[in-house]
Amino acid sequence: MARLFLLFLIAALVYLVLRLFPPSRRPPAVPPAAASSKLVGCAHCGLRVPEAEAVRQGGRYYCDRSHVPGGGGASPA
């Protein structure tokens, strides 16, 4: 009977500890670069790319060097 009481007491303590200190439920952190990345549209095809990856020519943005008018050339592989 003492063992049964001890088992019940341990189970009750575990239950209380889990109720008082629940696991942390923080939202996943968003990398700062991904959160603040501005998207710009390609002046040739309209594809939206991050501003950091776009090619800027004459005040306009392009998704690739091959879309820049007048000698952008083929894009590197």
N, C-alpha and C. Protein backbone atom coordinates (compact mmCIF):
# COMPACT_ATOMS: atom_id res chain seq x y z
N MET A 1 0.81 -1.19 0.00
CA MET A 1 0.00 0.00 0.00
C MET A 1 0.86 1.25 0.00
N ALA A 2 1.99 1.20 0.69
CA ALA A 2 2.91 2.35 0.75
C ALA A 2 3.51 2.62 -0.63
N ARG A 3 3.79 1.57 -1.37
CA ARG A 3 4.35 1.75 -2.71
C ARG A 3 3.34 2.42 -3.64
N LEU A 4 2.10 2.03 -3.54
CA LEU A 4 1.05 2.62 -4.34
C LEU A 4 0.88 4.10 -4.01
N PHE A 5 0.93 4.43 -2.75
CA PHE A 5 0.83 5.83 -2.32
C PHE A 5 2.03 6.63 -2.84
N LEU A 6 3.22 6.05 -2.76
CA LEU A 6 4.44 6.72 -3.25
C LEU A 6 4.37 6.94 -4.76
N LEU A 7 3.87 5.97 -5.50
CA LEU A 7 3.71 6.10 -6.94
C LEU A 7 2.71 7.21 -7.28
N PHE A 8 1.61 7.25 -6.55
CA PHE A 8 0.62 8.31 -6.76
C PHE A 8 1.22 9.68 -6.44
N LEU A 9 1.99 9.79 -5.38
CA LEU A 9 2.62 11.04 -4.98
C LEU A 9 3.61 11.53 -6.05
N ILE A 10 4.40 10.64 -6.60
CA ILE A 10 5.35 11.00 -7.66
C ILE A 10 4.61 11.45 -8.91
N ALA A 11 3.56 10.74 -9.28
CA ALA A 11 2.77 11.13 -10.45
C ALA A 11 2.14 12.50 -10.25
N ALA A 12 1.64 12.77 -9.06
CA ALA A 12 1.04 14.08 -8.77
C ALA A 12 2.09 15.18 -8.84
N LEU A 13 3.28 14.95 -8.34
CA LEU A 13 4.35 15.94 -8.40
C LEU A 13 4.77 16.23 -9.84
N VAL A 14 4.88 15.19 -10.65
CA VAL A 14 5.23 15.38 -12.06
C VAL A 14 4.15 16.19 -12.76
N TYR A 15 2.91 15.88 -12.49
CA TYR A 15 1.79 16.62 -13.09
C TYR A 15 1.84 18.09 -12.69
N LEU A 16 2.05 18.37 -11.42
CA LEU A 16 2.10 19.75 -10.94
C LEU A 16 3.27 20.53 -11.55
N VAL A 17 4.42 19.90 -11.64
CA VAL A 17 5.59 20.56 -12.22
C VAL A 17 5.33 20.88 -13.69
N LEU A 18 4.72 19.97 -14.42
CA LEU A 18 4.44 20.23 -15.83
C LEU A 18 3.38 21.30 -16.01
N ARG A 19 2.44 21.40 -15.08
CA ARG A 19 1.41 22.45 -15.16
C ARG A 19 1.99 23.82 -14.81
N LEU A 20 2.89 23.87 -13.85
CA LEU A 20 3.47 25.15 -13.42
C LEU A 20 4.53 25.66 -14.39
N PHE A 21 5.26 24.78 -15.02
CA PHE A 21 6.34 25.15 -15.93
C PHE A 21 6.13 24.49 -17.29
N PRO A 22 5.18 24.99 -18.08
CA PRO A 22 4.93 24.37 -19.39
C PRO A 22 6.11 24.61 -20.33
N PRO A 23 6.26 23.79 -21.36
CA PRO A 23 7.34 23.98 -22.33
C PRO A 23 7.18 25.33 -23.04
N SER A 24 8.28 25.91 -23.37
CA SER A 24 8.28 27.21 -24.03
C SER A 24 7.66 27.10 -25.42
N ARG A 25 6.78 28.06 -25.76
CA ARG A 25 6.13 28.05 -27.07
C ARG A 25 6.41 29.36 -27.79
N ARG A 26 7.68 29.69 -27.94
CA ARG A 26 8.06 30.89 -28.66
C ARG A 26 7.94 30.65 -30.16
N PRO A 27 7.52 31.66 -30.91
CA PRO A 27 7.48 31.50 -32.37
C PRO A 27 8.90 31.39 -32.92
N PRO A 28 9.09 30.67 -34.01
CA PRO A 28 10.43 30.53 -34.58
C PRO A 28 10.96 31.89 -35.03
N ALA A 29 12.24 32.08 -34.81
CA ALA A 29 12.88 33.35 -35.18
C ALA A 29 13.01 33.46 -36.70
N VAL A 30 12.72 34.64 -37.22
CA VAL A 30 12.85 34.91 -38.65
C VAL A 30 14.20 35.58 -38.88
N PRO A 31 15.00 35.06 -39.79
CA PRO A 31 16.28 35.70 -40.05
C PRO A 31 16.08 37.15 -40.49
N PRO A 32 16.89 38.09 -39.98
CA PRO A 32 16.69 39.50 -40.31
C PRO A 32 16.80 39.79 -41.80
N ALA A 33 17.67 39.11 -42.52
CA ALA A 33 17.83 39.37 -43.96
C ALA A 33 16.56 39.01 -44.72
N ALA A 34 15.94 37.91 -44.36
CA ALA A 34 14.72 37.48 -45.06
C ALA A 34 13.54 38.38 -44.71
N ALA A 35 13.51 38.88 -43.49
CA ALA A 35 12.39 39.70 -43.07
C ALA A 35 12.43 41.08 -43.70
N SER A 36 13.62 41.65 -43.96
CA SER A 36 13.71 43.01 -44.45
C SER A 36 14.04 43.07 -45.95
N SER A 37 14.00 41.95 -46.64
CA SER A 37 14.33 41.91 -48.06
C SER A 37 13.19 42.51 -48.89
N LYS A 38 13.50 43.56 -49.64
CA LYS A 38 12.50 44.22 -50.49
C LYS A 38 12.51 43.54 -51.86
N LEU A 39 11.32 43.25 -52.40
CA LEU A 39 11.22 42.64 -53.71
C LEU A 39 11.03 43.72 -54.77
N VAL A 40 11.73 43.57 -55.88
CA VAL A 40 11.60 44.50 -57.01
C VAL A 40 11.26 43.68 -58.25
N GLY A 41 10.54 44.30 -59.18
CA GLY A 41 10.13 43.61 -60.40
C GLY A 41 11.12 43.86 -61.53
N CYS A 42 11.37 42.83 -62.32
CA CYS A 42 12.24 42.95 -63.49
C CYS A 42 11.53 43.80 -64.54
N ALA A 43 12.25 44.79 -65.10
CA ALA A 43 11.67 45.67 -66.10
C ALA A 43 11.42 44.93 -67.42
N HIS A 44 12.05 43.78 -67.62
CA HIS A 44 11.90 43.03 -68.87
C HIS A 44 10.75 42.02 -68.78
N CYS A 45 10.76 41.17 -67.75
CA CYS A 45 9.77 40.09 -67.68
C CYS A 45 8.81 40.21 -66.50
N GLY A 46 9.07 41.10 -65.56
CA GLY A 46 8.17 41.29 -64.44
C GLY A 46 8.41 40.37 -63.25
N LEU A 47 9.37 39.48 -63.34
CA LEU A 47 9.66 38.57 -62.24
C LEU A 47 10.11 39.38 -61.03
N ARG A 48 9.60 39.02 -59.84
CA ARG A 48 9.98 39.74 -58.63
C ARG A 48 11.13 39.00 -57.96
N VAL A 49 12.20 39.74 -57.70
CA VAL A 49 13.39 39.19 -57.06
C VAL A 49 13.80 40.11 -55.92
N PRO A 50 14.55 39.59 -54.92
CA PRO A 50 15.04 40.45 -53.85
C PRO A 50 15.95 41.55 -54.42
N GLU A 51 15.83 42.74 -53.87
CA GLU A 51 16.61 43.88 -54.36
C GLU A 51 18.10 43.60 -54.33
N ALA A 52 18.56 42.85 -53.32
CA ALA A 52 19.98 42.54 -53.19
C ALA A 52 20.48 41.65 -54.34
N GLU A 53 19.59 40.86 -54.95
CA GLU A 53 19.99 39.95 -56.02
C GLU A 53 19.70 40.51 -57.41
N ALA A 54 18.99 41.62 -57.49
CA ALA A 54 18.62 42.18 -58.78
C ALA A 54 19.79 42.95 -59.41
N VAL A 55 19.75 43.06 -60.74
CA VAL A 55 20.73 43.86 -61.48
C VAL A 55 20.10 45.22 -61.73
N ARG A 56 20.78 46.29 -61.32
CA ARG A 56 20.23 47.63 -61.51
C ARG A 56 20.97 48.33 -62.64
N GLN A 57 20.20 48.85 -63.57
CA GLN A 57 20.78 49.52 -64.73
C GLN A 57 19.86 50.69 -65.09
N GLY A 58 20.39 51.90 -65.09
CA GLY A 58 19.61 53.06 -65.50
C GLY A 58 18.39 53.30 -64.63
N GLY A 59 18.47 53.03 -63.35
CA GLY A 59 17.36 53.25 -62.45
C GLY A 59 16.29 52.19 -62.50
N ARG A 60 16.49 51.14 -63.27
CA ARG A 60 15.52 50.04 -63.37
C ARG A 60 16.17 48.76 -62.88
N TYR A 61 15.34 47.83 -62.45
CA TYR A 61 15.84 46.55 -61.93
C TYR A 61 15.54 45.44 -62.92
N TYR A 62 16.47 44.48 -62.99
CA TYR A 62 16.34 43.32 -63.87
C TYR A 62 16.67 42.07 -63.05
N CYS A 63 16.02 40.96 -63.41
CA CYS A 63 16.24 39.73 -62.67
C CYS A 63 17.56 39.06 -63.05
N ASP A 64 18.09 39.40 -64.22
CA ASP A 64 19.29 38.74 -64.72
C ASP A 64 20.00 39.67 -65.69
N ARG A 65 21.29 39.50 -65.86
CA ARG A 65 22.04 40.36 -66.79
C ARG A 65 21.57 40.18 -68.22
N SER A 66 21.03 39.01 -68.56
CA SER A 66 20.57 38.79 -69.93
C SER A 66 19.32 39.62 -70.26
N HIS A 67 18.64 40.14 -69.26
CA HIS A 67 17.45 40.96 -69.50
C HIS A 67 17.76 42.45 -69.58
N VAL A 68 19.00 42.83 -69.30
CA VAL A 68 19.40 44.23 -69.41
C VAL A 68 19.53 44.56 -70.89
N PRO A 69 18.83 45.60 -71.37
CA PRO A 69 18.93 45.93 -72.79
C PRO A 69 20.31 46.49 -73.15
N GLY A 70 20.76 46.11 -74.34
CA GLY A 70 22.02 46.64 -74.86
C GLY A 70 23.26 45.99 -74.32
N GLY A 71 23.33 44.68 -74.38
CA GLY A 71 24.61 44.02 -74.07
C GLY A 71 24.73 43.42 -72.68
N GLY A 72 23.64 42.99 -72.12
CA GLY A 72 23.73 42.33 -70.83
C GLY A 72 24.44 41.00 -70.93
N GLY A 73 24.32 40.35 -72.07
CA GLY A 73 24.99 39.06 -72.27
C GLY A 73 24.25 37.93 -71.58
N ALA A 74 24.82 36.76 -71.70
CA ALA A 74 24.22 35.58 -71.09
C ALA A 74 24.52 35.58 -69.60
N SER A 75 23.61 35.04 -68.84
CA SER A 75 23.83 34.99 -67.41
C SER A 75 24.83 33.89 -67.08
N PRO A 76 25.62 34.10 -66.01
CA PRO A 76 26.58 33.07 -65.63
C PRO A 76 25.87 31.85 -65.08
N ALA A 77 26.44 30.68 -65.30
CA ALA A 77 25.80 29.44 -64.86
C ALA A 77 26.15 29.10 -63.45
